[in-house]
N, C-alpha and C. Protein backbone atom coordinates (compact mmCIF):
# COMPACT_ATOMS: atom_id res chain seq x y z
N MET A 1 48.85 -6.55 -1.58
CA MET A 1 49.53 -6.25 -2.81
C MET A 1 49.99 -4.80 -2.75
N TYR A 2 51.16 -4.56 -3.26
CA TYR A 2 51.74 -3.23 -3.24
C TYR A 2 52.37 -2.92 -4.58
N LEU A 3 52.33 -1.66 -4.91
CA LEU A 3 53.10 -1.14 -6.03
C LEU A 3 54.18 -0.30 -5.39
N LEU A 4 55.43 -0.69 -5.54
CA LEU A 4 56.48 0.08 -4.89
C LEU A 4 57.57 0.44 -5.88
N ARG A 5 58.23 1.54 -5.57
CA ARG A 5 59.32 2.02 -6.42
C ARG A 5 60.61 1.97 -5.61
N LEU A 6 61.59 1.29 -6.15
CA LEU A 6 62.87 1.18 -5.47
C LEU A 6 63.73 2.40 -5.77
N PRO A 7 64.84 2.59 -5.05
CA PRO A 7 65.69 3.76 -5.27
C PRO A 7 66.20 3.93 -6.70
N ASN A 8 66.23 2.86 -7.48
CA ASN A 8 66.66 2.99 -8.88
C ASN A 8 65.52 3.44 -9.78
N SER A 9 64.37 3.80 -9.19
CA SER A 9 63.18 4.32 -9.87
C SER A 9 62.41 3.29 -10.67
N VAL A 10 62.73 2.01 -10.53
CA VAL A 10 61.98 0.96 -11.21
C VAL A 10 60.87 0.49 -10.28
N TYR A 11 59.68 0.30 -10.83
CA TYR A 11 58.52 -0.12 -10.05
C TYR A 11 58.47 -1.64 -9.93
N TYR A 12 57.96 -2.10 -8.78
CA TYR A 12 57.85 -3.52 -8.47
C TYR A 12 56.46 -3.82 -7.93
N THR A 13 56.03 -5.07 -8.16
CA THR A 13 54.84 -5.61 -7.50
C THR A 13 55.32 -6.38 -6.29
N ARG A 14 54.69 -6.15 -5.15
CA ARG A 14 55.00 -6.93 -3.96
C ARG A 14 53.69 -7.46 -3.41
N ILE A 15 53.63 -8.75 -3.17
CA ILE A 15 52.39 -9.36 -2.69
C ILE A 15 52.72 -10.38 -1.61
N ALA A 16 51.92 -10.37 -0.56
CA ALA A 16 52.10 -11.31 0.54
C ALA A 16 51.51 -12.66 0.16
N THR A 17 52.16 -13.70 0.62
CA THR A 17 51.68 -15.06 0.38
C THR A 17 50.59 -15.38 1.39
N PRO A 18 49.51 -16.04 0.97
CA PRO A 18 48.46 -16.42 1.92
C PRO A 18 49.03 -17.29 3.05
N LEU A 19 48.46 -17.14 4.24
CA LEU A 19 48.96 -17.87 5.40
C LEU A 19 48.92 -19.38 5.20
N SER A 20 47.90 -19.87 4.53
CA SER A 20 47.80 -21.32 4.32
C SER A 20 48.96 -21.85 3.49
N LEU A 21 49.49 -21.03 2.61
CA LEU A 21 50.64 -21.46 1.81
C LEU A 21 51.95 -21.27 2.56
N ARG A 22 52.01 -20.24 3.41
CA ARG A 22 53.24 -20.02 4.19
C ARG A 22 53.54 -21.21 5.09
N SER A 23 52.48 -21.79 5.65
CA SER A 23 52.70 -22.94 6.53
C SER A 23 53.17 -24.17 5.75
N SER A 24 53.03 -24.13 4.42
CA SER A 24 53.50 -25.23 3.56
C SER A 24 54.90 -24.99 3.02
N GLY A 25 55.58 -23.96 3.51
CA GLY A 25 56.96 -23.72 3.09
C GLY A 25 57.14 -22.62 2.05
N TYR A 26 56.07 -21.92 1.71
CA TYR A 26 56.18 -20.82 0.75
C TYR A 26 56.78 -19.60 1.46
N PRO A 27 57.44 -18.71 0.72
CA PRO A 27 58.01 -17.51 1.35
C PRO A 27 56.90 -16.56 1.81
N LYS A 28 57.29 -15.62 2.64
CA LYS A 28 56.33 -14.66 3.20
C LYS A 28 55.74 -13.75 2.13
N GLU A 29 56.53 -13.40 1.12
CA GLU A 29 56.06 -12.50 0.07
C GLU A 29 56.82 -12.76 -1.23
N PHE A 30 56.26 -12.22 -2.32
CA PHE A 30 56.91 -12.26 -3.62
C PHE A 30 57.06 -10.84 -4.12
N LYS A 31 58.15 -10.59 -4.84
CA LYS A 31 58.40 -9.27 -5.40
C LYS A 31 58.93 -9.44 -6.81
N PHE A 32 58.29 -8.73 -7.77
CA PHE A 32 58.67 -8.83 -9.17
C PHE A 32 58.79 -7.45 -9.79
N SER A 33 59.79 -7.29 -10.63
CA SER A 33 59.97 -6.03 -11.34
C SER A 33 58.88 -5.87 -12.39
N LEU A 34 58.39 -4.65 -12.55
CA LEU A 34 57.41 -4.33 -13.58
C LEU A 34 58.08 -3.79 -14.84
N LEU A 35 59.41 -3.71 -14.81
CA LEU A 35 60.22 -3.31 -15.97
C LEU A 35 59.84 -1.94 -16.52
N THR A 36 59.52 -1.01 -15.65
CA THR A 36 59.21 0.35 -16.09
C THR A 36 59.52 1.34 -14.97
N ARG A 37 59.72 2.57 -15.38
CA ARG A 37 59.93 3.67 -14.44
C ARG A 37 58.77 4.66 -14.48
N GLU A 38 57.76 4.35 -15.28
CA GLU A 38 56.59 5.22 -15.38
C GLU A 38 55.47 4.67 -14.50
N ARG A 39 54.94 5.53 -13.64
CA ARG A 39 53.92 5.09 -12.68
C ARG A 39 52.66 4.57 -13.36
N LYS A 40 52.19 5.24 -14.39
CA LYS A 40 50.96 4.82 -15.06
C LYS A 40 51.11 3.41 -15.64
N VAL A 41 52.21 3.17 -16.29
CA VAL A 41 52.47 1.85 -16.87
C VAL A 41 52.62 0.82 -15.76
N ALA A 42 53.32 1.19 -14.69
CA ALA A 42 53.52 0.28 -13.57
C ALA A 42 52.19 -0.10 -12.93
N TYR A 43 51.30 0.86 -12.80
CA TYR A 43 49.99 0.60 -12.20
C TYR A 43 49.23 -0.45 -13.02
N LEU A 44 49.22 -0.29 -14.33
CA LEU A 44 48.51 -1.23 -15.19
C LEU A 44 49.15 -2.62 -15.17
N ARG A 45 50.47 -2.65 -15.18
CA ARG A 45 51.17 -3.94 -15.14
C ARG A 45 50.99 -4.62 -13.78
N ASN A 46 50.92 -3.82 -12.73
CA ASN A 46 50.71 -4.35 -11.39
C ASN A 46 49.38 -5.10 -11.33
N ILE A 47 48.35 -4.55 -11.95
CA ILE A 47 47.04 -5.20 -11.96
C ILE A 47 47.15 -6.57 -12.62
N GLU A 48 47.84 -6.64 -13.74
CA GLU A 48 48.00 -7.92 -14.44
C GLU A 48 48.75 -8.94 -13.60
N GLN A 49 49.86 -8.50 -12.99
CA GLN A 49 50.66 -9.44 -12.21
C GLN A 49 49.92 -9.92 -10.97
N VAL A 50 49.18 -9.04 -10.33
CA VAL A 50 48.44 -9.44 -9.13
C VAL A 50 47.35 -10.44 -9.49
N GLN A 51 46.66 -10.21 -10.61
CA GLN A 51 45.64 -11.18 -11.04
C GLN A 51 46.28 -12.55 -11.29
N LEU A 52 47.41 -12.55 -11.92
CA LEU A 52 48.13 -13.79 -12.19
C LEU A 52 48.53 -14.48 -10.88
N LEU A 53 49.09 -13.71 -9.96
CA LEU A 53 49.53 -14.28 -8.69
C LEU A 53 48.37 -14.85 -7.88
N HIS A 54 47.25 -14.14 -7.85
CA HIS A 54 46.09 -14.65 -7.12
C HIS A 54 45.58 -15.95 -7.74
N ALA A 55 45.57 -16.03 -9.06
CA ALA A 55 45.14 -17.26 -9.72
C ALA A 55 46.08 -18.42 -9.37
N LEU A 56 47.38 -18.14 -9.36
CA LEU A 56 48.34 -19.19 -9.01
C LEU A 56 48.24 -19.58 -7.54
N PHE A 57 47.99 -18.61 -6.66
CA PHE A 57 47.79 -18.92 -5.24
C PHE A 57 46.58 -19.83 -5.07
N ASP A 58 45.48 -19.51 -5.75
CA ASP A 58 44.28 -20.34 -5.66
C ASP A 58 44.55 -21.76 -6.16
N LYS A 59 45.28 -21.86 -7.25
CA LYS A 59 45.62 -23.18 -7.80
C LYS A 59 46.49 -23.96 -6.82
N ALA A 60 47.46 -23.26 -6.22
CA ALA A 60 48.36 -23.92 -5.27
C ALA A 60 47.60 -24.42 -4.04
N LYS A 61 46.62 -23.64 -3.59
CA LYS A 61 45.84 -24.05 -2.43
C LYS A 61 44.94 -25.24 -2.76
N SER A 62 44.31 -25.20 -3.92
CA SER A 62 43.35 -26.26 -4.26
C SER A 62 44.03 -27.57 -4.64
N THR A 63 45.21 -27.50 -5.25
CA THR A 63 45.90 -28.73 -5.68
C THR A 63 47.06 -29.11 -4.77
N LYS A 64 47.25 -28.36 -3.69
CA LYS A 64 48.35 -28.62 -2.75
C LYS A 64 49.69 -28.73 -3.49
N LEU A 65 49.96 -27.72 -4.29
CA LEU A 65 51.16 -27.66 -5.12
C LEU A 65 52.40 -27.45 -4.24
N TYR A 66 53.45 -28.23 -4.49
CA TYR A 66 54.70 -28.01 -3.78
C TYR A 66 55.32 -26.70 -4.26
N PHE A 67 56.12 -26.09 -3.39
CA PHE A 67 56.68 -24.79 -3.73
C PHE A 67 57.57 -24.85 -4.97
N ALA A 68 58.32 -25.92 -5.14
CA ALA A 68 59.20 -26.04 -6.32
C ALA A 68 58.38 -26.01 -7.61
N GLN A 69 57.25 -26.71 -7.64
CA GLN A 69 56.39 -26.70 -8.82
C GLN A 69 55.76 -25.33 -9.01
N PHE A 70 55.33 -24.74 -7.91
CA PHE A 70 54.73 -23.40 -7.96
C PHE A 70 55.72 -22.40 -8.54
N LYS A 71 56.96 -22.50 -8.09
CA LYS A 71 58.00 -21.57 -8.53
C LYS A 71 58.23 -21.68 -10.04
N VAL A 72 58.20 -22.90 -10.58
CA VAL A 72 58.38 -23.10 -12.02
C VAL A 72 57.21 -22.49 -12.79
N GLU A 73 55.98 -22.76 -12.33
CA GLU A 73 54.80 -22.21 -13.00
C GLU A 73 54.78 -20.69 -12.92
N LEU A 74 55.17 -20.16 -11.77
CA LEU A 74 55.20 -18.71 -11.58
C LEU A 74 56.23 -18.07 -12.51
N ALA A 75 57.41 -18.65 -12.60
CA ALA A 75 58.45 -18.11 -13.47
C ALA A 75 57.99 -18.11 -14.93
N ASP A 76 57.36 -19.20 -15.36
CA ASP A 76 56.86 -19.26 -16.74
C ASP A 76 55.81 -18.19 -16.99
N ALA A 77 54.88 -18.04 -16.06
CA ALA A 77 53.80 -17.06 -16.24
C ALA A 77 54.34 -15.63 -16.25
N ILE A 78 55.27 -15.33 -15.35
CA ILE A 78 55.85 -13.98 -15.30
C ILE A 78 56.65 -13.71 -16.57
N ASN A 79 57.38 -14.71 -17.04
CA ASN A 79 58.15 -14.53 -18.28
C ASN A 79 57.24 -14.27 -19.48
N GLN A 80 56.10 -14.95 -19.54
CA GLN A 80 55.14 -14.70 -20.62
C GLN A 80 54.61 -13.27 -20.56
N LEU A 81 54.30 -12.81 -19.34
CA LEU A 81 53.84 -11.42 -19.19
C LEU A 81 54.92 -10.45 -19.63
N ARG A 82 56.14 -10.71 -19.26
CA ARG A 82 57.24 -9.81 -19.63
C ARG A 82 57.47 -9.79 -21.13
N GLN A 83 57.26 -10.91 -21.79
CA GLN A 83 57.36 -10.93 -23.25
C GLN A 83 56.29 -10.03 -23.86
N GLN A 84 55.10 -10.04 -23.28
CA GLN A 84 54.03 -9.16 -23.76
C GLN A 84 54.42 -7.70 -23.54
N TYR A 85 55.07 -7.39 -22.42
CA TYR A 85 55.48 -6.01 -22.15
C TYR A 85 56.44 -5.53 -23.23
N ARG A 86 57.32 -6.41 -23.64
CA ARG A 86 58.31 -6.01 -24.65
C ARG A 86 57.70 -5.85 -26.03
N SER A 87 56.63 -6.60 -26.31
CA SER A 87 56.03 -6.54 -27.64
C SER A 87 54.94 -5.47 -27.76
N LEU A 88 54.46 -4.95 -26.64
CA LEU A 88 53.40 -3.94 -26.67
C LEU A 88 53.98 -2.56 -26.43
N SER A 89 53.19 -1.55 -26.77
CA SER A 89 53.60 -0.19 -26.45
C SER A 89 53.55 -0.01 -24.94
N GLU A 90 54.17 1.01 -24.44
CA GLU A 90 54.30 1.23 -23.00
C GLU A 90 52.97 1.37 -22.27
N THR A 91 51.93 1.83 -22.93
CA THR A 91 50.70 2.13 -22.20
C THR A 91 49.57 1.13 -22.42
N SER A 92 49.77 0.10 -23.21
CA SER A 92 48.68 -0.85 -23.41
C SER A 92 48.94 -2.12 -22.61
N THR A 93 47.87 -2.72 -22.11
CA THR A 93 47.98 -3.95 -21.34
C THR A 93 46.89 -4.90 -21.77
N HIS A 94 46.93 -6.11 -21.25
CA HIS A 94 45.91 -7.11 -21.55
C HIS A 94 45.03 -7.35 -20.33
N ALA A 95 44.87 -6.39 -19.47
CA ALA A 95 44.01 -6.58 -18.31
C ALA A 95 42.58 -6.75 -18.78
N PRO A 96 41.85 -7.70 -18.20
CA PRO A 96 40.48 -7.92 -18.66
C PRO A 96 39.59 -6.74 -18.32
N THR A 97 38.58 -6.54 -19.16
CA THR A 97 37.63 -5.46 -18.89
C THR A 97 36.62 -5.94 -17.87
N LEU A 98 36.10 -5.03 -17.10
CA LEU A 98 35.11 -5.38 -16.09
C LEU A 98 33.79 -5.67 -16.76
N SER A 99 33.09 -6.66 -16.27
CA SER A 99 31.79 -7.00 -16.84
C SER A 99 30.69 -6.57 -15.89
N GLY A 100 29.48 -6.55 -16.40
CA GLY A 100 28.35 -6.16 -15.58
C GLY A 100 28.12 -4.67 -15.64
N THR A 101 27.05 -4.28 -15.03
CA THR A 101 26.73 -2.85 -15.02
C THR A 101 27.09 -2.27 -13.68
N THR A 102 27.66 -1.12 -13.73
CA THR A 102 28.00 -0.42 -12.50
C THR A 102 27.32 0.93 -12.53
N ALA A 103 26.74 1.28 -11.43
CA ALA A 103 26.07 2.57 -11.36
C ALA A 103 27.11 3.66 -11.17
N VAL A 104 26.95 4.71 -11.91
CA VAL A 104 27.87 5.83 -11.80
C VAL A 104 27.34 6.76 -10.73
N LYS A 105 28.17 7.01 -9.74
CA LYS A 105 27.76 7.91 -8.67
C LYS A 105 28.05 9.34 -9.09
N THR A 106 27.07 10.17 -8.92
CA THR A 106 27.28 11.58 -9.21
C THR A 106 27.59 12.29 -7.92
N ALA A 107 28.50 13.20 -7.99
CA ALA A 107 28.91 13.94 -6.81
C ALA A 107 27.84 14.95 -6.45
N SER A 108 27.57 15.02 -5.16
CA SER A 108 26.59 16.01 -4.73
C SER A 108 27.24 17.39 -4.77
N PRO A 109 26.47 18.40 -5.12
CA PRO A 109 27.05 19.73 -5.18
C PRO A 109 27.52 20.18 -3.80
N ARG A 110 28.67 20.80 -3.76
CA ARG A 110 29.23 21.25 -2.49
C ARG A 110 28.69 22.64 -2.16
N SER A 111 28.39 22.80 -0.91
CA SER A 111 27.95 24.13 -0.51
C SER A 111 29.17 24.96 -0.16
N SER A 112 29.12 26.22 -0.49
CA SER A 112 30.26 27.08 -0.21
C SER A 112 30.07 27.73 1.16
N VAL A 113 31.19 27.98 1.81
CA VAL A 113 31.19 28.60 3.13
C VAL A 113 31.76 30.00 2.98
N GLY A 114 31.07 30.96 3.54
CA GLY A 114 31.54 32.34 3.47
C GLY A 114 32.75 32.56 4.37
N LYS A 115 33.41 33.71 4.18
CA LYS A 115 34.61 34.03 4.96
C LYS A 115 34.30 34.11 6.45
N GLU A 116 33.18 34.74 6.78
CA GLU A 116 32.83 34.90 8.20
C GLU A 116 32.62 33.54 8.86
N GLU A 117 31.90 32.67 8.18
CA GLU A 117 31.64 31.34 8.72
C GLU A 117 32.94 30.54 8.85
N LEU A 118 33.82 30.66 7.88
CA LEU A 118 35.10 29.98 7.92
C LEU A 118 35.94 30.48 9.09
N ASN A 119 35.97 31.79 9.30
CA ASN A 119 36.71 32.36 10.43
C ASN A 119 36.14 31.88 11.75
N ARG A 120 34.80 31.83 11.85
CA ARG A 120 34.16 31.39 13.08
C ARG A 120 34.52 29.93 13.36
N LEU A 121 34.46 29.08 12.33
CA LEU A 121 34.78 27.67 12.52
C LEU A 121 36.24 27.47 12.89
N THR A 122 37.12 28.27 12.32
CA THR A 122 38.55 28.19 12.65
C THR A 122 38.78 28.56 14.10
N LYS A 123 38.11 29.62 14.57
CA LYS A 123 38.25 30.03 15.98
C LYS A 123 37.72 28.97 16.92
N VAL A 124 36.59 28.36 16.58
CA VAL A 124 36.02 27.31 17.42
C VAL A 124 36.97 26.12 17.49
N ALA A 125 37.53 25.74 16.35
CA ALA A 125 38.47 24.61 16.32
C ALA A 125 39.71 24.93 17.14
N ALA A 126 40.23 26.14 17.03
CA ALA A 126 41.42 26.53 17.80
C ALA A 126 41.11 26.52 19.29
N TYR A 127 39.93 27.02 19.67
CA TYR A 127 39.53 27.04 21.08
C TYR A 127 39.45 25.61 21.62
N ARG A 128 38.82 24.72 20.88
CA ARG A 128 38.69 23.33 21.33
C ARG A 128 40.05 22.65 21.42
N TYR A 129 40.94 22.95 20.48
CA TYR A 129 42.27 22.37 20.51
C TYR A 129 43.01 22.80 21.78
N LEU A 130 42.95 24.10 22.09
CA LEU A 130 43.65 24.61 23.27
C LEU A 130 43.00 24.10 24.55
N LYS A 131 41.69 23.99 24.55
CA LYS A 131 40.97 23.57 25.74
C LYS A 131 41.28 22.11 26.09
N TYR A 132 41.35 21.24 25.08
CA TYR A 132 41.51 19.81 25.33
C TYR A 132 42.95 19.32 25.18
N SER A 133 43.90 20.21 24.93
CA SER A 133 45.30 19.79 24.79
C SER A 133 46.01 19.77 26.11
């Protein structure tokens, strides 16, 4: 899955089709406009579209859906999402919240390096670079 911006500054979702579906006549990838030029909004919309696409891919694999039927279901689902985009403010989405507990990792304090030590390490790195180049 990719979030990409085309030269017209509009963001798109691009996702590769699973190999099992490609052998059934599905295209190599799908690309859909996220209808925004703002990266933050595009990122959130990308999450929604990718979740939708993965669900449809799973359905297509389990029910052996023909590509024509898949294309109709995909178009309907994408159109529903786009209707939500038009009715919501630019920064809100309907992405599901994560469930369960997640441990918050605390960053270990960084040790500072003095100027002398930094100069010594730089000289050692330069020496090794010249020696092995």
